[in-house]
Amino acid sequence: MRSLTMKKNEGSKKLFFTEKRLLGLLAAFYTGLTLLGFIKTIYIKVYNDGLARVTWSDIVFSMILEWSGVMLFSILISRLVKYLMQRKISLSLVIPIHLIAGLLFGIFMTFLHHLATIIDNTHNVVLFDLGRLQFNFIRYLEYNLLIYFTVTFIIYTYYYINRALTESEKKNNIEQKFNEAKAMALQNQLHPHFLFNSLNNVSALIDIDKKKSKDMIADISEYLYNTVNLFEHKYITLEYELELLDKYLNIIETRFQAQLSISKSIQVDTKNVSVPPLIIQPIVENAVKHGYSRDHEHLNIKIDVSRPKNQLCIQVSNDGLPLTQKIGDLKKNGTGIKNIDERLSAIYGNDYQLNFCNDAENNQVVFQLLLHQTDEQTMQTNHAQPVFLSD
């Protein structure tokens, strides 16, 4: 019961609270209008005898009083507009409500103007004159309505822009959460895919060398043990990624032994760069899977990591069987490459490149991944380091 009362009170405060920025906009608008009126009054008083009897102090006082009155009424209008928007009052009611409020504003301003006249002429004892009030109300009606509806337009515009920005921010947050969840789900698919391929390798090795097959099982267990905590992190450092890659390379080198040769060239200043977890392994796995053939029984794989400008370039090349598939088909049909592409799309949007080519001149198949680096990635990496487990 108490919580319901507190929520109700909070709702009431929000309903009747006028934002400082909105008040600043309204004050700036009417202050500008008041200054224009003051300049016009100066011109009339200096170059015309129409205001000869009115003192400068009377003019300034009258303008200050009217400015204060408009700002006070503007606060009331902003609360009225917020109430109408929050209650989602229909347009058929909103229009007459504002027409009535505009007339009340005209009466209020006419009264303020008459009050200023009385105060300015206290020595002449000017009393309230209902007939003059009615005359001034009709005389300045269109001007006062113009002020009212201009103020109302500013308020509505302010609230609608704020609402649009809030909705846009909510939408962006939802999309970000969705992409993070999607990336996490895709990342979680890597373990079953890796495990399936690894168990096939163990199955192929077990009849050839039981000791090495046992060692491979131990390596697989250690690899899974060290990657189990990665799935809560959006980014890790490249240094951690390379440590994981080394463990994976130990497994496949045990499987292929002398048939496989792997070399790495890692630029020193890339070690602390942020990358999504397990992003290089599927590329290497794909190179092994598609590189071997009857004509390519020995496979050389080279891993190059460099940092041109604000990008991270990861390149995996092999001298095996040239690929015949197009990059689009490979991203669509290849399990590992498809997974990488979808994860990168969920994390980076369009701000990445994943390509391959058959380098006929050097007899190589080259996979290249370009990742744009941002401060957000660096910050998340610095505050979310995975802990690698050991024996």
Protein backbone atom coordinates (compact mmCIF):
# COMPACT_ATOMS: atom_id res chain seq x y z
CA MET A 1 0.00 0.00 0.00
CA ARG A 2 2.83 2.33 0.90
CA SER A 3 4.63 1.59 -2.38
CA LEU A 4 1.46 2.38 -4.35
CA THR A 5 1.15 5.71 -2.52
CA MET A 6 4.81 6.53 -3.25
CA LYS A 7 4.36 5.71 -6.95
CA LYS A 8 1.24 7.89 -7.04
CA ASN A 9 3.12 10.78 -5.44
CA GLU A 10 6.01 10.34 -7.90
CA GLY A 11 3.53 10.38 -10.77
CA SER A 12 1.97 13.60 -9.44
CA LYS A 13 5.39 15.24 -9.16
CA LYS A 14 6.21 14.29 -12.74
CA LEU A 15 2.83 15.57 -13.90
CA PHE A 16 3.23 19.01 -12.34
CA PHE A 17 6.95 19.44 -12.87
CA THR A 18 8.09 21.78 -15.63
CA GLU A 19 11.54 21.10 -17.06
CA LYS A 20 14.14 23.82 -16.64
CA ARG A 21 15.18 23.55 -20.28
CA LEU A 22 11.60 24.16 -21.41
CA LEU A 23 11.30 27.19 -19.11
CA GLY A 24 14.58 28.46 -20.55
CA LEU A 25 13.19 28.17 -24.11
CA LEU A 26 9.98 29.99 -23.14
CA ALA A 27 11.92 32.68 -21.28
CA ALA A 28 14.23 33.16 -24.27
CA PHE A 29 11.25 33.47 -26.63
CA TYR A 30 9.30 36.03 -24.62
CA THR A 31 12.42 37.94 -23.55
CA GLY A 32 13.26 38.41 -27.23
CA LEU A 33 9.71 39.56 -27.92
CA THR A 34 9.85 41.94 -24.94
CA LEU A 35 13.14 43.45 -26.14
CA LEU A 36 11.64 44.04 -29.58
CA GLY A 37 8.69 45.77 -27.92
CA PHE A 38 11.06 47.85 -25.81
CA ILE A 39 13.00 48.96 -28.91
CA LYS A 40 9.71 49.92 -30.58
CA THR A 41 8.68 51.87 -27.46
CA ILE A 42 12.00 53.74 -27.44
CA TYR A 43 11.48 54.75 -31.06
CA ILE A 44 7.92 55.94 -30.42
CA LYS A 45 8.90 57.87 -27.27
CA VAL A 46 11.96 59.52 -28.82
CA TYR A 47 10.57 60.33 -32.28
CA ASN A 48 6.86 60.65 -31.46
CA ASP A 49 4.88 62.45 -28.78
CA GLY A 50 2.51 59.51 -28.26
CA LEU A 51 4.28 58.43 -25.02
CA ALA A 52 5.38 61.84 -23.82
CA ARG A 53 3.47 61.52 -20.52
CA VAL A 54 4.83 58.06 -19.74
CA THR A 55 8.09 57.89 -17.80
CA TRP A 56 10.88 55.42 -18.56
CA SER A 57 10.41 53.80 -15.15
CA ASP A 58 6.72 53.24 -15.93
CA ILE A 59 7.62 51.59 -19.26
CA VAL A 60 10.24 49.29 -17.69
CA PHE A 61 7.95 48.37 -14.78
CA SER A 62 5.06 47.58 -17.13
CA MET A 63 7.24 45.33 -19.30
CA ILE A 64 8.69 43.50 -16.30
CA LEU A 65 5.19 42.93 -14.89
CA GLU A 66 3.89 41.61 -18.21
CA TRP A 67 7.01 39.42 -18.72
CA SER A 68 6.50 37.89 -15.25
CA GLY A 69 2.82 37.33 -15.98
CA VAL A 70 3.52 35.57 -19.28
CA MET A 71 6.16 33.32 -17.68
CA LEU A 72 3.79 32.42 -14.84
CA PHE A 73 1.03 31.58 -17.30
CA SER A 74 3.53 29.65 -19.45
CA ILE A 75 4.21 27.34 -16.50
CA LEU A 76 0.47 26.73 -16.20
CA ILE A 77 0.21 26.08 -19.95
CA SER A 78 3.11 23.59 -19.83
CA ARG A 79 1.40 21.70 -17.02
CA LEU A 80 -1.87 21.71 -18.92
CA VAL A 81 -0.16 20.39 -22.07
CA LYS A 82 1.64 17.66 -20.11
CA TYR A 83 -1.63 16.64 -18.46
CA LEU A 84 -3.44 16.47 -21.82
CA MET A 85 -0.61 14.43 -23.37
CA GLN A 86 -0.30 12.01 -20.45
CA ARG A 87 -4.06 11.45 -20.31
CA LYS A 88 -4.15 11.15 -24.13
CA ILE A 89 -7.09 13.53 -24.41
CA SER A 90 -8.70 13.45 -27.86
CA LEU A 91 -8.11 16.29 -30.33
CA SER A 92 -11.82 17.15 -30.32
CA LEU A 93 -11.43 18.16 -26.66
CA VAL A 94 -7.89 19.55 -26.82
CA ILE A 95 -8.78 22.31 -29.31
CA PRO A 96 -11.67 23.83 -27.29
CA ILE A 97 -9.64 23.50 -24.08
CA HIS A 98 -6.82 25.57 -25.61
CA LEU A 99 -9.29 28.09 -27.05
CA ILE A 100 -10.75 28.63 -23.58
CA ALA A 101 -7.26 28.77 -22.05
CA GLY A 102 -6.25 31.31 -24.73
CA LEU A 103 -9.19 33.54 -23.83
CA LEU A 104 -8.30 33.26 -20.15
CA PHE A 105 -4.74 34.23 -21.05
CA GLY A 106 -6.11 37.30 -22.87
CA ILE A 107 -8.17 38.28 -19.81
CA PHE A 108 -5.15 37.75 -17.55
CA MET A 109 -2.85 39.91 -19.71
CA THR A 110 -5.49 42.65 -20.03
CA PHE A 111 -5.83 42.68 -16.25
CA LEU A 112 -2.03 42.88 -15.81
CA HIS A 113 -1.82 45.78 -18.26
CA HIS A 114 -4.61 47.63 -16.43
CA LEU A 115 -2.95 46.90 -13.08
CA ALA A 116 0.32 48.38 -14.37
CA THR A 117 -1.57 51.49 -15.47
CA ILE A 118 -3.12 51.90 -12.00
CA ILE A 119 0.25 51.48 -10.26
CA ASP A 120 1.92 53.90 -12.68
CA ASN A 121 -0.74 56.53 -12.01
CA THR A 122 -1.27 56.22 -8.27
CA HIS A 123 -0.94 59.99 -7.92
CA ASN A 124 -3.97 60.41 -10.25
CA VAL A 125 -5.91 57.66 -8.41
CA VAL A 126 -6.94 55.66 -11.49
CA LEU A 127 -9.57 53.05 -10.52
CA PHE A 128 -10.63 49.85 -12.25
CA ASP A 129 -12.70 50.65 -15.29
CA LEU A 130 -14.69 47.61 -16.48
CA GLY A 131 -15.53 49.25 -19.78
CA ARG A 132 -11.88 50.00 -20.49
CA LEU A 133 -10.95 46.44 -19.50
CA GLN A 134 -13.43 45.08 -22.05
CA PHE A 135 -12.14 47.48 -24.71
CA ASN A 136 -8.49 46.51 -24.13
CA PHE A 137 -9.42 42.81 -24.07
CA ILE A 138 -10.99 43.06 -27.54
CA ARG A 139 -8.25 45.42 -28.78
CA TYR A 140 -5.36 43.09 -27.93
CA LEU A 141 -7.22 39.77 -28.29
CA GLU A 142 -5.49 38.56 -31.47
CA TYR A 143 -2.05 39.56 -30.09
CA ASN A 144 -2.64 37.74 -26.80
CA LEU A 145 -3.99 34.65 -28.64
CA LEU A 146 -0.92 34.71 -30.88
CA ILE A 147 1.34 34.77 -27.80
CA TYR A 148 -0.65 31.97 -26.16
CA PHE A 149 -0.62 29.64 -29.17
CA THR A 150 3.04 30.37 -29.91
CA VAL A 151 3.94 29.40 -26.32
CA THR A 152 1.70 26.33 -26.63
CA PHE A 153 3.39 25.35 -29.91
CA ILE A 154 6.84 25.61 -28.29
CA ILE A 155 5.70 23.44 -25.38
CA TYR A 156 4.13 20.77 -27.61
CA THR A 157 7.20 20.74 -29.86
CA TYR A 158 9.50 20.36 -26.84
CA TYR A 159 7.50 17.45 -25.38
CA TYR A 160 7.10 15.65 -28.73
CA ILE A 161 10.82 15.97 -29.51
CA ASN A 162 11.66 14.68 -26.02
CA ARG A 163 9.23 11.79 -26.49
CA ALA A 164 10.70 10.97 -29.90
CA LEU A 165 14.24 11.03 -28.51
CA THR A 166 13.19 8.85 -25.57
CA GLU A 167 11.47 6.36 -27.87
CA SER A 168 14.49 6.35 -30.17
CA GLU A 169 16.78 5.71 -27.20
CA LYS A 170 14.54 2.89 -25.98
CA LYS A 171 14.48 1.40 -29.48
CA ASN A 172 18.27 1.60 -29.73
CA ASN A 173 18.62 -0.04 -26.30
CA ILE A 174 16.23 -2.83 -27.31
CA GLU A 175 18.11 -3.36 -30.59
CA GLN A 176 21.42 -3.37 -28.74
CA LYS A 177 20.13 -5.92 -26.22
CA PHE A 178 18.74 -8.02 -29.06
CA ASN A 179 22.04 -7.93 -30.96
CA GLU A 180 23.97 -8.80 -27.80
CA ALA A 181 21.62 -11.72 -27.14
CA LYS A 182 21.93 -12.82 -30.77
CA ALA A 183 25.73 -12.60 -30.63
CA MET A 184 25.70 -14.58 -27.38
CA ALA A 185 23.49 -17.27 -28.89
CA LEU A 186 25.72 -17.54 -31.95
CA GLN A 187 28.78 -17.66 -29.74
CA ASN A 188 27.22 -20.48 -27.75
CA GLN A 189 26.88 -22.47 -30.98
CA LEU A 190 30.65 -22.64 -31.33
CA HIS A 191 31.12 -25.22 -28.59
CA PRO A 192 28.84 -27.91 -30.10
CA HIS A 193 30.35 -27.27 -33.56
CA PHE A 194 33.90 -27.46 -32.19
CA LEU A 195 33.08 -30.50 -30.08
CA PHE A 196 31.52 -32.34 -33.03
CA ASN A 197 34.59 -31.78 -35.23
CA SER A 198 37.00 -32.60 -32.41
CA LEU A 199 35.27 -35.87 -31.55
CA ASN A 200 35.46 -36.82 -35.24
CA ASN A 201 39.20 -36.15 -35.10
CA VAL A 202 39.52 -38.31 -31.96
CA SER A 203 37.53 -41.06 -33.65
CA ALA A 204 39.88 -40.96 -36.67
CA LEU A 205 42.98 -41.00 -34.46
CA ILE A 206 42.00 -43.60 -31.87
CA ASP A 207 42.76 -46.60 -34.09
CA ILE A 208 46.05 -45.10 -35.22
CA ASP A 209 47.55 -43.91 -31.94
CA LYS A 210 45.66 -44.48 -28.68
CA LYS A 211 48.09 -42.42 -26.61
CA LYS A 212 47.76 -39.39 -28.85
CA SER A 213 44.00 -39.81 -28.94
CA LYS A 214 44.00 -39.71 -25.11
CA ASP A 215 46.20 -36.60 -25.21
CA MET A 216 43.78 -35.01 -27.66
CA ILE A 217 40.82 -35.73 -25.38
CA ALA A 218 42.74 -34.08 -22.53
CA ASP A 219 43.48 -31.06 -24.75
CA ILE A 220 39.82 -30.80 -25.78
CA SER A 221 38.74 -30.98 -22.15
CA GLU A 222 41.21 -28.24 -21.19
CA TYR A 223 40.14 -26.08 -24.11
CA LEU A 224 36.45 -26.34 -23.18
CA TYR A 225 37.33 -25.76 -19.54
CA ASN A 226 39.17 -22.53 -20.43
CA THR A 227 36.44 -21.20 -22.71
CA VAL A 228 33.43 -21.93 -20.52
CA ASN A 229 33.50 -18.44 -18.95
CA LEU A 230 33.87 -16.52 -22.22
CA PHE A 231 30.21 -16.37 -23.10
CA GLU A 232 29.43 -13.61 -20.61
CA HIS A 233 31.88 -11.24 -22.37
CA LYS A 234 31.23 -9.24 -25.51
CA TYR A 235 34.95 -8.52 -26.02
CA ILE A 236 38.27 -9.94 -24.88
CA THR A 237 41.81 -8.83 -25.67
CA LEU A 238 43.54 -10.27 -28.70
CA GLU A 239 46.18 -11.64 -26.33
CA TYR A 240 43.55 -13.87 -24.67
CA GLU A 241 42.15 -14.79 -28.08
CA LEU A 242 45.60 -15.93 -29.22
CA GLU A 243 46.08 -17.99 -26.05
CA LEU A 244 42.84 -19.80 -26.82
CA LEU A 245 43.88 -20.21 -30.43
CA ASP A 246 47.15 -21.85 -29.33
CA LYS A 247 45.20 -24.43 -27.33
CA TYR A 248 43.04 -25.14 -30.38
CA LEU A 249 46.13 -25.41 -32.61
CA ASN A 250 47.60 -27.98 -30.23
CA ILE A 251 44.51 -30.13 -30.80
CA ILE A 252 44.53 -30.01 -34.61
CA GLU A 253 48.31 -30.38 -34.81
CA THR A 254 47.96 -33.58 -32.78
CA ARG A 255 45.38 -34.79 -35.28
CA PHE A 256 47.27 -33.92 -38.49
CA GLN A 257 50.83 -34.18 -37.11
CA ALA A 258 53.42 -33.62 -39.89
CA GLN A 259 50.73 -32.86 -42.48
CA LEU A 260 50.05 -29.48 -40.94
CA SER A 261 52.39 -26.51 -40.46
CA ILE A 262 51.18 -23.32 -38.76
CA SER A 263 53.04 -20.02 -38.42
CA LYS A 264 52.00 -16.72 -36.83
CA SER A 265 53.02 -13.10 -37.33
CA ILE A 266 51.48 -10.89 -34.65
CA GLN A 267 52.12 -7.14 -34.56
CA VAL A 268 53.15 -6.21 -31.01
CA ASP A 269 50.74 -3.29 -30.52
CA THR A 270 47.71 -5.48 -31.26
CA LYS A 271 47.88 -7.53 -28.05
CA ASN A 272 45.51 -5.22 -26.10
CA VAL A 273 43.09 -4.64 -28.97
CA SER A 274 39.52 -5.83 -28.34
CA VAL A 275 37.93 -8.65 -30.33
CA PRO A 276 34.84 -10.84 -29.89
CA PRO A 277 35.78 -14.17 -28.26
CA LEU A 278 36.72 -17.13 -30.49
CA ILE A 279 36.72 -15.13 -33.71
CA ILE A 280 39.94 -16.50 -35.26
CA GLN A 281 39.50 -20.20 -34.52
CA PRO A 282 36.60 -20.82 -36.96
CA ILE A 283 38.61 -19.18 -39.77
CA VAL A 284 41.56 -21.48 -39.09
CA GLU A 285 39.19 -24.43 -38.79
CA ASN A 286 37.67 -23.52 -42.15
CA ALA A 287 41.15 -23.26 -43.72
CA VAL A 288 41.99 -26.79 -42.49
CA LYS A 289 38.64 -28.21 -43.57
CA HIS A 290 38.74 -26.80 -47.12
CA GLY A 291 42.50 -26.80 -47.62
CA TYR A 292 43.17 -30.53 -47.61
CA SER A 293 42.70 -32.61 -50.74
CA ARG A 294 44.44 -35.47 -52.53
CA ASP A 295 46.67 -32.93 -54.26
CA HIS A 296 47.27 -30.97 -51.05
CA GLU A 297 48.11 -33.50 -48.34
CA HIS A 298 50.47 -31.10 -46.59
CA LEU A 299 48.97 -27.79 -45.53
CA ASN A 300 50.75 -24.57 -44.52
CA ILE A 301 48.66 -22.07 -42.62
CA LYS A 302 49.86 -18.57 -41.81
CA ILE A 303 48.12 -16.23 -39.34
CA ASP A 304 48.92 -12.50 -39.64
CA VAL A 305 47.57 -9.82 -37.30
CA SER A 306 48.27 -6.13 -37.90
CA ARG A 307 46.76 -2.79 -36.99
CA PRO A 308 46.39 -0.33 -39.89
CA LYS A 309 45.10 3.00 -38.50
CA ASN A 310 42.02 2.39 -36.31
CA GLN A 311 41.37 -1.10 -37.66
CA LEU A 312 42.46 -4.58 -36.70
CA CYS A 313 43.40 -6.80 -39.66
CA ILE A 314 43.32 -10.57 -39.11
CA GLN A 315 44.47 -12.57 -42.10
CA VAL A 316 44.57 -16.36 -42.36
CA SER A 317 46.12 -17.84 -45.49
CA ASN A 318 46.75 -21.41 -46.58
CA ASP A 319 48.37 -23.07 -49.62
CA GLY A 320 45.73 -25.75 -49.94
CA LEU A 321 42.89 -26.38 -52.37
CA PRO A 322 41.52 -23.14 -53.89
CA LEU A 323 37.96 -22.32 -52.88
CA THR A 324 35.30 -22.58 -55.58
CA GLN A 325 32.46 -21.06 -53.57
CA LYS A 326 31.61 -17.38 -53.69
CA ILE A 327 31.97 -15.40 -50.45
CA GLY A 328 28.18 -14.96 -50.22
CA ASP A 329 27.61 -18.72 -50.52
CA LEU A 330 30.32 -19.45 -47.98
CA LYS A 331 28.79 -17.02 -45.48
CA LYS A 332 25.37 -18.55 -46.10
CA ASN A 333 26.26 -22.24 -46.07
CA GLY A 334 29.54 -22.65 -44.18
CA THR A 335 28.80 -23.25 -40.51
CA GLY A 336 31.94 -21.60 -39.09
CA ILE A 337 32.13 -18.64 -41.50
CA LYS A 338 28.36 -18.10 -41.31
CA ASN A 339 28.55 -18.02 -37.52
CA ILE A 340 31.40 -15.47 -37.59
CA ASP A 341 29.60 -13.27 -40.10
CA GLU A 342 26.34 -13.25 -38.11
CA ARG A 343 28.16 -12.56 -34.84
CA LEU A 344 30.13 -9.68 -36.36
CA SER A 345 26.95 -8.28 -37.89
CA ALA A 346 25.21 -8.39 -34.50
CA ILE A 347 28.14 -6.64 -32.78
CA TYR A 348 29.52 -4.25 -35.41
CA GLY A 349 26.54 -3.71 -37.71
CA ASN A 350 28.10 -2.87 -41.09
CA ASP A 351 31.36 -1.63 -39.58
CA TYR A 352 33.46 -4.69 -40.43
CA GLN A 353 34.69 -6.64 -43.46
CA LEU A 354 35.00 -10.41 -43.89
CA ASN A 355 36.37 -11.49 -47.27
CA PHE A 356 38.41 -14.21 -48.94
CA CYS A 357 40.20 -14.57 -52.23
CA ASN A 358 42.18 -17.15 -54.14
CA ASP A 359 45.66 -15.64 -54.50
CA ALA A 360 46.78 -17.45 -57.66
CA GLU A 361 50.12 -15.62 -57.79
CA ASN A 362 51.21 -16.97 -54.39
CA ASN A 363 49.14 -20.17 -54.60
CA GLN A 364 47.18 -19.22 -51.48
CA VAL A 365 43.65 -18.94 -50.21
CA VAL A 366 43.39 -15.80 -48.08
CA PHE A 367 40.72 -14.97 -45.50
CA GLN A 368 40.80 -11.39 -44.28
CA LEU A 369 38.87 -9.87 -41.38
CA LEU A 370 38.87 -6.10 -40.74
CA LEU A 371 37.43 -4.87 -37.44
CA HIS A 372 36.90 -1.22 -36.56
CA GLN A 373 38.17 -0.34 -33.09
CA THR A 374 36.22 2.00 -30.76
CA ASP A 375 36.68 3.40 -27.25
CA GLU A 376 33.62 1.41 -26.11
CA GLN A 377 35.33 -1.87 -27.02
CA THR A 378 38.48 -0.89 -25.17
CA MET A 379 36.48 0.14 -22.10
CA GLN A 380 34.49 -3.11 -22.04
CA THR A 381 37.64 -5.16 -22.42
CA ASN A 382 39.40 -3.35 -19.61
CA HIS A 383 36.48 -3.98 -17.26
CA ALA A 384 35.53 -7.50 -18.34
CA GLN A 385 38.56 -9.74 -18.54
CA PRO A 386 37.85 -13.49 -18.54
CA VAL A 387 39.78 -15.65 -16.13
CA PHE A 388 41.52 -18.54 -17.83
CA LEU A 389 41.53 -21.77 -15.92
CA SER A 390 44.46 -24.12 -15.77
CA ASP A 391 45.16 -27.59 -14.51
